Each structure stands twice: as C-alpha cells, then as structure tokens.
Amino acid sequence: MNKLVLLLAFVLTAGVVLPSSVYAYGGGGGGAPPCKPPLFFEQAPADNATVKALDRFRFVASENTDAKTLKVTVNGEPVDLAVTVQRSGRLVVEGILKNSIVQPGKVRINLSAKSREGCDRALMYYVNVAGPET
C-alpha cells in the first residue's frame, strides 16, 4: 500500500518536478518560415472612388506575388491583365475592360493571387460609377 501511495505521489508531482520541455509538444525552433501572402496596393481608381465611367484600372502587387496566378474580375467578369515588373520586383497590373461601365452604381473589383510560397490573398473593393453628365 505504501508503494502505491509513493507511486501515486510521484506521478502527481512529476509535472512540477520535470521541466516542461520533457513532456511538452512544439515550442518553436526549426520548421519552415511562415508563408507570406501577396499584398495589393495603390489601386486606381481607389476604393470607394467615384468616376464618370469605369473602363480601366491599375494596382501594384508585392514582389512576392506569383504573376501567373493573378486574377481580376469586375462585377464577376474576368479581365485580361497586362503585368509590368518594376526594378523593385513589384508588379504593376493594368486591366482594360472590354466594355466601359457607364451605368450609375457600385462596381465590385476582385483581385486575387498567390505568393511564390503558395499563400493566397484576395481583395475586394468598390468603385462608384456616377454615369455620364446629364
């Protein structure tokens, strides 16, 4: 019985006596660095800007963007893109719509891409179309 009590006492106090690294999982060190998704900035027209008509757009994607994965839709319609690489490695992305949008209302622009490491990023923003002057 004494041996059982001693064994039970040892098991209950083992967490206090043993260092945490002996029985803990993880704890850092090693492994792959975290994946960094691409960034999108300098949108033109800007988020919530008001334009008379929308026929083109432009934005810059960070240097870790995989250009082959860039996709843009305007109101759900895919847009062909022209990509220019800057000295910094950033990508200047331009799109011209097949049909200019002149009807007043909000236009939704969706940007998406993957980084070279494979991390996804998506951005949605709106542009207000005022329509032609009457």
N, C-alpha and C. Protein backbone atom coordinates (compact mmCIF):
# COMPACT_ATOMS: atom_id res chain seq x y z
N MET A 1 0.83 -1.19 0.00
CA MET A 1 0.00 0.00 0.00
C MET A 1 0.87 1.25 0.00
N ASN A 2 1.99 1.23 0.81
CA ASN A 2 2.88 2.37 0.85
C ASN A 2 3.50 2.62 -0.52
N LYS A 3 3.84 1.52 -1.21
CA LYS A 3 4.43 1.68 -2.53
C LYS A 3 3.43 2.33 -3.50
N LEU A 4 2.16 1.98 -3.38
CA LEU A 4 1.13 2.55 -4.23
C LEU A 4 0.96 4.04 -3.95
N VAL A 5 1.00 4.41 -2.67
CA VAL A 5 0.88 5.83 -2.30
C VAL A 5 2.09 6.60 -2.82
N LEU A 6 3.30 6.03 -2.68
CA LEU A 6 4.50 6.69 -3.18
C LEU A 6 4.46 6.84 -4.70
N LEU A 7 4.02 5.82 -5.38
CA LEU A 7 3.92 5.88 -6.84
C LEU A 7 2.91 6.94 -7.26
N LEU A 8 1.77 7.00 -6.60
CA LEU A 8 0.75 7.99 -6.90
C LEU A 8 1.28 9.40 -6.63
N ALA A 9 1.98 9.59 -5.53
CA ALA A 9 2.57 10.89 -5.20
C ALA A 9 3.59 11.30 -6.25
N PHE A 10 4.39 10.34 -6.70
CA PHE A 10 5.40 10.64 -7.71
C PHE A 10 4.74 11.07 -9.02
N VAL A 11 3.70 10.35 -9.44
CA VAL A 11 3.01 10.67 -10.70
C VAL A 11 2.36 12.04 -10.61
N LEU A 12 1.75 12.36 -9.48
CA LEU A 12 1.08 13.65 -9.33
C LEU A 12 2.05 14.82 -9.29
N THR A 13 3.24 14.62 -8.77
CA THR A 13 4.21 15.71 -8.67
C THR A 13 5.19 15.74 -9.83
N ALA A 14 5.11 14.80 -10.74
CA ALA A 14 6.06 14.75 -11.86
C ALA A 14 5.97 16.01 -12.71
N GLY A 15 4.79 16.57 -12.88
CA GLY A 15 4.62 17.78 -13.66
C GLY A 15 5.32 18.97 -13.02
N VAL A 16 5.42 18.98 -11.70
CA VAL A 16 6.08 20.07 -11.00
C VAL A 16 7.59 19.89 -11.05
N VAL A 17 8.07 18.68 -10.95
CA VAL A 17 9.49 18.40 -10.87
C VAL A 17 10.15 18.39 -12.24
N LEU A 18 9.48 17.79 -13.24
CA LEU A 18 10.08 17.66 -14.56
C LEU A 18 9.97 18.99 -15.32
N PRO A 19 11.01 19.36 -16.03
CA PRO A 19 10.93 20.57 -16.84
C PRO A 19 9.91 20.40 -17.95
N SER A 20 9.30 21.50 -18.35
CA SER A 20 8.22 21.43 -19.33
C SER A 20 8.69 20.89 -20.66
N SER A 21 9.95 21.06 -21.01
CA SER A 21 10.41 20.59 -22.31
C SER A 21 10.42 19.07 -22.40
N VAL A 22 10.36 18.39 -21.29
CA VAL A 22 10.40 16.94 -21.30
C VAL A 22 9.09 16.36 -21.82
N TYR A 23 7.97 17.00 -21.49
CA TYR A 23 6.70 16.41 -21.88
C TYR A 23 5.84 17.33 -22.73
N ALA A 24 6.33 18.47 -23.15
CA ALA A 24 5.54 19.39 -23.96
C ALA A 24 5.78 19.14 -25.44
N TYR A 25 4.79 19.51 -26.24
CA TYR A 25 4.91 19.40 -27.69
C TYR A 25 5.23 20.77 -28.25
N GLY A 26 5.86 20.84 -29.42
CA GLY A 26 6.12 22.11 -30.09
C GLY A 26 7.15 22.91 -29.33
N GLY A 27 6.91 24.22 -29.30
CA GLY A 27 7.80 25.05 -28.52
C GLY A 27 8.74 25.86 -29.38
N GLY A 28 8.62 25.81 -30.68
CA GLY A 28 9.41 26.69 -31.53
C GLY A 28 10.68 26.05 -32.01
N GLY A 29 11.39 26.85 -32.75
CA GLY A 29 12.64 26.39 -33.32
C GLY A 29 12.40 25.54 -34.53
N GLY A 30 13.26 25.67 -35.50
CA GLY A 30 13.17 24.83 -36.68
C GLY A 30 11.93 25.09 -37.49
N GLY A 31 11.69 24.27 -38.44
CA GLY A 31 10.50 24.39 -39.26
C GLY A 31 10.64 25.44 -40.33
N ALA A 32 9.67 25.51 -41.20
CA ALA A 32 9.67 26.46 -42.30
C ALA A 32 9.19 27.83 -41.82
N PRO A 33 9.69 28.90 -42.43
CA PRO A 33 9.20 30.22 -42.08
C PRO A 33 7.74 30.35 -42.49
N PRO A 34 7.00 31.24 -41.84
CA PRO A 34 5.58 31.38 -42.19
C PRO A 34 5.43 31.88 -43.63
N CYS A 35 4.38 31.46 -44.26
CA CYS A 35 4.11 31.84 -45.65
C CYS A 35 3.54 33.25 -45.67
N LYS A 36 4.06 34.10 -46.55
CA LYS A 36 3.59 35.49 -46.65
C LYS A 36 2.75 35.64 -47.91
N PRO A 37 1.48 35.98 -47.74
CA PRO A 37 0.64 36.18 -48.92
C PRO A 37 1.03 37.47 -49.64
N PRO A 38 0.68 37.58 -50.92
CA PRO A 38 0.99 38.82 -51.64
C PRO A 38 0.16 39.97 -51.09
N LEU A 39 0.60 41.18 -51.38
CA LEU A 39 -0.12 42.39 -50.98
C LEU A 39 -0.53 43.15 -52.23
N PHE A 40 -1.68 43.83 -52.17
CA PHE A 40 -2.16 44.67 -53.25
C PHE A 40 -2.29 46.09 -52.72
N PHE A 41 -1.80 47.06 -53.47
CA PHE A 41 -1.91 48.46 -53.03
C PHE A 41 -1.89 49.38 -54.24
N GLU A 42 -2.08 50.68 -53.97
CA GLU A 42 -2.11 51.72 -54.99
C GLU A 42 -3.17 51.45 -56.06
N GLN A 43 -4.35 51.02 -55.63
CA GLN A 43 -5.43 50.78 -56.59
C GLN A 43 -5.88 52.10 -57.21
N ALA A 44 -6.09 52.08 -58.52
CA ALA A 44 -6.62 53.26 -59.21
C ALA A 44 -7.66 52.76 -60.21
N PRO A 45 -8.88 53.20 -60.11
CA PRO A 45 -9.38 54.11 -59.10
C PRO A 45 -9.34 53.46 -57.71
N ALA A 46 -9.26 54.31 -56.69
CA ALA A 46 -9.15 53.85 -55.31
C ALA A 46 -10.47 53.28 -54.80
N ASP A 47 -10.39 52.58 -53.69
CA ASP A 47 -11.58 52.03 -53.03
C ASP A 47 -12.56 53.15 -52.74
N ASN A 48 -13.81 52.96 -53.13
CA ASN A 48 -14.91 53.91 -52.93
C ASN A 48 -14.76 55.22 -53.69
N ALA A 49 -13.85 55.26 -54.68
CA ALA A 49 -13.74 56.45 -55.52
C ALA A 49 -14.98 56.55 -56.41
N THR A 50 -15.28 57.75 -56.86
CA THR A 50 -16.38 57.97 -57.79
C THR A 50 -15.81 58.41 -59.13
N VAL A 51 -16.22 57.71 -60.19
CA VAL A 51 -15.78 58.02 -61.55
C VAL A 51 -17.00 58.16 -62.44
N LYS A 52 -16.85 58.88 -63.56
CA LYS A 52 -17.97 59.03 -64.51
C LYS A 52 -18.23 57.70 -65.20
N ALA A 53 -17.14 57.00 -65.56
CA ALA A 53 -17.23 55.70 -66.21
C ALA A 53 -16.01 54.89 -65.81
N LEU A 54 -16.14 53.58 -65.82
CA LEU A 54 -15.01 52.72 -65.50
C LEU A 54 -14.65 51.92 -66.74
N ASP A 55 -13.45 52.18 -67.27
CA ASP A 55 -13.02 51.43 -68.44
C ASP A 55 -11.65 50.78 -68.24
N ARG A 56 -10.96 51.16 -67.15
CA ARG A 56 -9.64 50.59 -66.86
C ARG A 56 -9.36 50.71 -65.35
N PHE A 57 -8.39 49.96 -64.91
CA PHE A 57 -7.95 50.01 -63.51
C PHE A 57 -6.47 49.67 -63.48
N ARG A 58 -5.89 49.91 -62.32
CA ARG A 58 -4.46 49.65 -62.13
C ARG A 58 -4.22 49.41 -60.66
N PHE A 59 -3.27 48.53 -60.35
CA PHE A 59 -2.83 48.35 -58.96
C PHE A 59 -1.43 47.79 -58.97
N VAL A 60 -0.82 47.78 -57.81
CA VAL A 60 0.53 47.24 -57.64
C VAL A 60 0.43 46.03 -56.72
N ALA A 61 1.14 44.97 -57.08
CA ALA A 61 1.21 43.76 -56.25
C ALA A 61 2.64 43.63 -55.72
N SER A 62 2.77 43.10 -54.52
CA SER A 62 4.09 42.97 -53.87
C SER A 62 5.01 42.05 -54.65
N GLU A 63 6.30 42.18 -54.36
CA GLU A 63 7.34 41.45 -55.09
C GLU A 63 7.26 39.94 -54.92
N ASN A 64 6.59 39.45 -53.89
CA ASN A 64 6.49 38.00 -53.70
C ASN A 64 5.29 37.38 -54.42
N THR A 65 4.60 38.18 -55.25
CA THR A 65 3.43 37.70 -55.98
C THR A 65 3.85 36.85 -57.17
N ASP A 66 3.20 35.71 -57.33
CA ASP A 66 3.40 34.87 -58.50
C ASP A 66 2.50 35.43 -59.60
N ALA A 67 3.08 36.11 -60.59
CA ALA A 67 2.32 36.81 -61.63
C ALA A 67 1.38 35.87 -62.38
N LYS A 68 1.74 34.60 -62.52
CA LYS A 68 0.90 33.66 -63.26
C LYS A 68 -0.43 33.39 -62.56
N THR A 69 -0.51 33.71 -61.27
CA THR A 69 -1.74 33.40 -60.52
C THR A 69 -2.65 34.62 -60.35
N LEU A 70 -2.24 35.78 -60.86
CA LEU A 70 -3.07 36.99 -60.74
C LEU A 70 -4.39 36.81 -61.49
N LYS A 71 -5.48 37.15 -60.81
CA LYS A 71 -6.81 37.10 -61.42
C LYS A 71 -7.58 38.32 -60.95
N VAL A 72 -8.32 38.92 -61.88
CA VAL A 72 -9.17 40.06 -61.55
C VAL A 72 -10.51 39.86 -62.21
N THR A 73 -11.57 40.13 -61.45
CA THR A 73 -12.90 40.18 -62.02
C THR A 73 -13.51 41.53 -61.69
N VAL A 74 -14.31 42.04 -62.61
CA VAL A 74 -15.06 43.27 -62.40
C VAL A 74 -16.52 42.91 -62.55
N ASN A 75 -17.26 43.07 -61.47
CA ASN A 75 -18.66 42.63 -61.41
C ASN A 75 -18.80 41.18 -61.86
N GLY A 76 -17.84 40.35 -61.46
CA GLY A 76 -17.90 38.93 -61.73
C GLY A 76 -17.34 38.50 -63.08
N GLU A 77 -16.99 39.46 -63.93
CA GLU A 77 -16.46 39.14 -65.26
C GLU A 77 -14.93 39.18 -65.23
N PRO A 78 -14.26 38.14 -65.72
CA PRO A 78 -12.79 38.15 -65.74
C PRO A 78 -12.27 39.23 -66.69
N VAL A 79 -11.10 39.77 -66.33
CA VAL A 79 -10.48 40.84 -67.12
C VAL A 79 -9.07 40.40 -67.50
N ASP A 80 -8.69 40.64 -68.76
CA ASP A 80 -7.32 40.37 -69.20
C ASP A 80 -6.40 41.41 -68.58
N LEU A 81 -5.20 40.96 -68.19
CA LEU A 81 -4.28 41.82 -67.46
C LEU A 81 -2.97 42.01 -68.22
N ALA A 82 -2.38 43.18 -68.04
CA ALA A 82 -1.02 43.45 -68.50
C ALA A 82 -0.19 43.67 -67.25
N VAL A 83 0.91 42.93 -67.12
CA VAL A 83 1.74 42.99 -65.91
C VAL A 83 3.13 43.47 -66.29
N THR A 84 3.60 44.49 -65.58
CA THR A 84 4.94 45.03 -65.77
C THR A 84 5.70 44.88 -64.47
N VAL A 85 6.90 44.33 -64.53
CA VAL A 85 7.72 44.15 -63.33
C VAL A 85 8.59 45.39 -63.14
N GLN A 86 8.50 45.99 -61.95
CA GLN A 86 9.33 47.14 -61.61
C GLN A 86 10.71 46.67 -61.16
N ARG A 87 11.66 47.60 -61.07
CA ARG A 87 13.00 47.26 -60.58
C ARG A 87 12.96 46.64 -59.19
N SER A 88 12.03 47.12 -58.38
CA SER A 88 11.90 46.61 -57.01
C SER A 88 11.39 45.18 -56.96
N GLY A 89 10.87 44.69 -58.09
CA GLY A 89 10.27 43.36 -58.12
C GLY A 89 8.76 43.42 -57.99
N ARG A 90 8.23 44.58 -57.62
CA ARG A 90 6.78 44.72 -57.55
C ARG A 90 6.18 44.64 -58.94
N LEU A 91 4.91 44.26 -58.98
CA LEU A 91 4.21 44.10 -60.25
C LEU A 91 3.19 45.21 -60.43
N VAL A 92 3.27 45.93 -61.53
CA VAL A 92 2.24 46.90 -61.88
C VAL A 92 1.25 46.16 -62.77
N VAL A 93 0.00 46.10 -62.32
CA VAL A 93 -1.02 45.32 -63.01
C VAL A 93 -2.06 46.29 -63.57
N GLU A 94 -2.33 46.17 -64.86
CA GLU A 94 -3.31 47.04 -65.51
C GLU A 94 -4.32 46.20 -66.26
N GLY A 95 -5.55 46.65 -66.23
CA GLY A 95 -6.61 45.97 -66.96
C GLY A 95 -7.48 46.97 -67.68
N ILE A 96 -7.89 46.61 -68.88
CA ILE A 96 -8.82 47.44 -69.66
C ILE A 96 -10.06 46.60 -69.89
N LEU A 97 -11.21 47.15 -69.51
CA LEU A 97 -12.47 46.43 -69.65
C LEU A 97 -12.88 46.35 -71.12
N LYS A 98 -13.49 45.25 -71.50
CA LYS A 98 -13.98 45.09 -72.88
C LYS A 98 -15.06 46.11 -73.18
N ASN A 99 -15.90 46.37 -72.18
CA ASN A 99 -16.98 47.35 -72.32
C ASN A 99 -16.92 48.30 -71.13
N SER A 100 -16.84 49.56 -71.41
CA SER A 100 -16.80 50.57 -70.35
C SER A 100 -18.10 50.52 -69.55
N ILE A 101 -18.00 50.68 -68.24
CA ILE A 101 -19.19 50.68 -67.38
C ILE A 101 -19.58 52.14 -67.16
N VAL A 102 -20.78 52.51 -67.65
CA VAL A 102 -21.25 53.90 -67.54
C VAL A 102 -22.53 54.00 -66.72
N GLN A 103 -23.19 52.87 -66.49
CA GLN A 103 -24.43 52.90 -65.72
C GLN A 103 -24.12 53.23 -64.27
N PRO A 104 -24.82 54.22 -63.69
CA PRO A 104 -24.56 54.60 -62.30
C PRO A 104 -24.75 53.43 -61.34
N GLY A 105 -23.86 53.36 -60.35
CA GLY A 105 -23.95 52.32 -59.33
C GLY A 105 -22.57 51.89 -58.85
N LYS A 106 -22.56 50.89 -57.97
CA LYS A 106 -21.30 50.36 -57.44
C LYS A 106 -20.79 49.26 -58.34
N VAL A 107 -19.48 49.29 -58.54
CA VAL A 107 -18.81 48.25 -59.32
C VAL A 107 -17.87 47.51 -58.36
N ARG A 108 -17.95 46.18 -58.36
CA ARG A 108 -17.11 45.37 -57.48
C ARG A 108 -15.89 44.87 -58.25
N ILE A 109 -14.71 45.13 -57.68
CA ILE A 109 -13.47 44.66 -58.28
C ILE A 109 -12.85 43.65 -57.32
N ASN A 110 -12.60 42.44 -57.82
CA ASN A 110 -11.97 41.37 -57.02
C ASN A 110 -10.57 41.10 -57.55
N LEU A 111 -9.59 41.16 -56.67
CA LEU A 111 -8.21 40.83 -57.00
C LEU A 111 -7.84 39.57 -56.25
N SER A 112 -7.08 38.69 -56.88
CA SER A 112 -6.59 37.51 -56.16
C SER A 112 -5.27 37.05 -56.79
N ALA A 113 -4.45 36.43 -55.96
CA ALA A 113 -3.17 35.89 -56.43
C ALA A 113 -2.60 35.01 -55.32
N LYS A 114 -1.54 34.30 -55.68
CA LYS A 114 -0.77 33.51 -54.71
C LYS A 114 0.64 34.09 -54.65
N SER A 115 1.25 33.91 -53.51
CA SER A 115 2.66 34.27 -53.39
C SER A 115 3.48 33.13 -53.98
N ARG A 116 4.76 33.36 -54.16
CA ARG A 116 5.63 32.31 -54.69
C ARG A 116 5.67 31.11 -53.75
N GLU A 117 5.41 31.35 -52.45
CA GLU A 117 5.39 30.25 -51.48
C GLU A 117 4.06 29.50 -51.51
N GLY A 118 3.06 30.06 -52.21
CA GLY A 118 1.77 29.37 -52.33
C GLY A 118 0.66 29.90 -51.45
N CYS A 119 0.88 31.03 -50.75
CA CYS A 119 -0.18 31.60 -49.90
C CYS A 119 -1.14 32.43 -50.74
N ASP A 120 -2.43 32.27 -50.50
CA ASP A 120 -3.47 33.00 -51.22
C ASP A 120 -3.72 34.37 -50.59
N ARG A 121 -4.11 35.31 -51.43
CA ARG A 121 -4.60 36.61 -50.95
C ARG A 121 -5.69 37.04 -51.91
N ALA A 122 -6.75 37.59 -51.37
CA ALA A 122 -7.83 38.15 -52.18
C ALA A 122 -8.21 39.50 -51.59
N LEU A 123 -8.60 40.40 -52.45
CA LEU A 123 -9.03 41.73 -52.03
C LEU A 123 -10.23 42.10 -52.88
N MET A 124 -11.26 42.60 -52.24
CA MET A 124 -12.43 43.08 -52.95
C MET A 124 -12.62 44.54 -52.59
N TYR A 125 -12.85 45.37 -53.59
CA TYR A 125 -13.17 46.76 -53.31
C TYR A 125 -14.19 47.27 -54.32
N TYR A 126 -14.73 48.45 -54.04
CA TYR A 126 -15.80 49.00 -54.85
C TYR A 126 -15.40 50.35 -55.44
N VAL A 127 -15.91 50.61 -56.63
CA VAL A 127 -15.77 51.91 -57.27
C VAL A 127 -17.19 52.35 -57.61
N ASN A 128 -17.49 53.61 -57.35
CA ASN A 128 -18.81 54.17 -57.65
C ASN A 128 -18.78 54.80 -59.04
N VAL A 129 -19.71 54.40 -59.88
CA VAL A 129 -19.83 54.99 -61.21
C VAL A 129 -20.99 55.98 -61.14
N ALA A 130 -20.67 57.25 -61.44
CA ALA A 130 -21.69 58.30 -61.39
C ALA A 130 -22.51 58.35 -62.67
N GLY A 131 -21.93 57.87 -63.76
CA GLY A 131 -22.61 57.90 -65.04
C GLY A 131 -22.32 59.19 -65.78
N PRO A 132 -22.71 59.26 -67.03
CA PRO A 132 -22.44 60.46 -67.82
C PRO A 132 -23.23 61.65 -67.27
N GLU A 133 -22.68 62.82 -67.49
CA GLU A 133 -23.36 64.05 -67.04
C GLU A 133 -24.61 64.24 -67.88
N THR A 134 -25.65 64.68 -67.22
CA THR A 134 -26.90 64.93 -67.96
C THR A 134 -27.25 66.39 -67.93
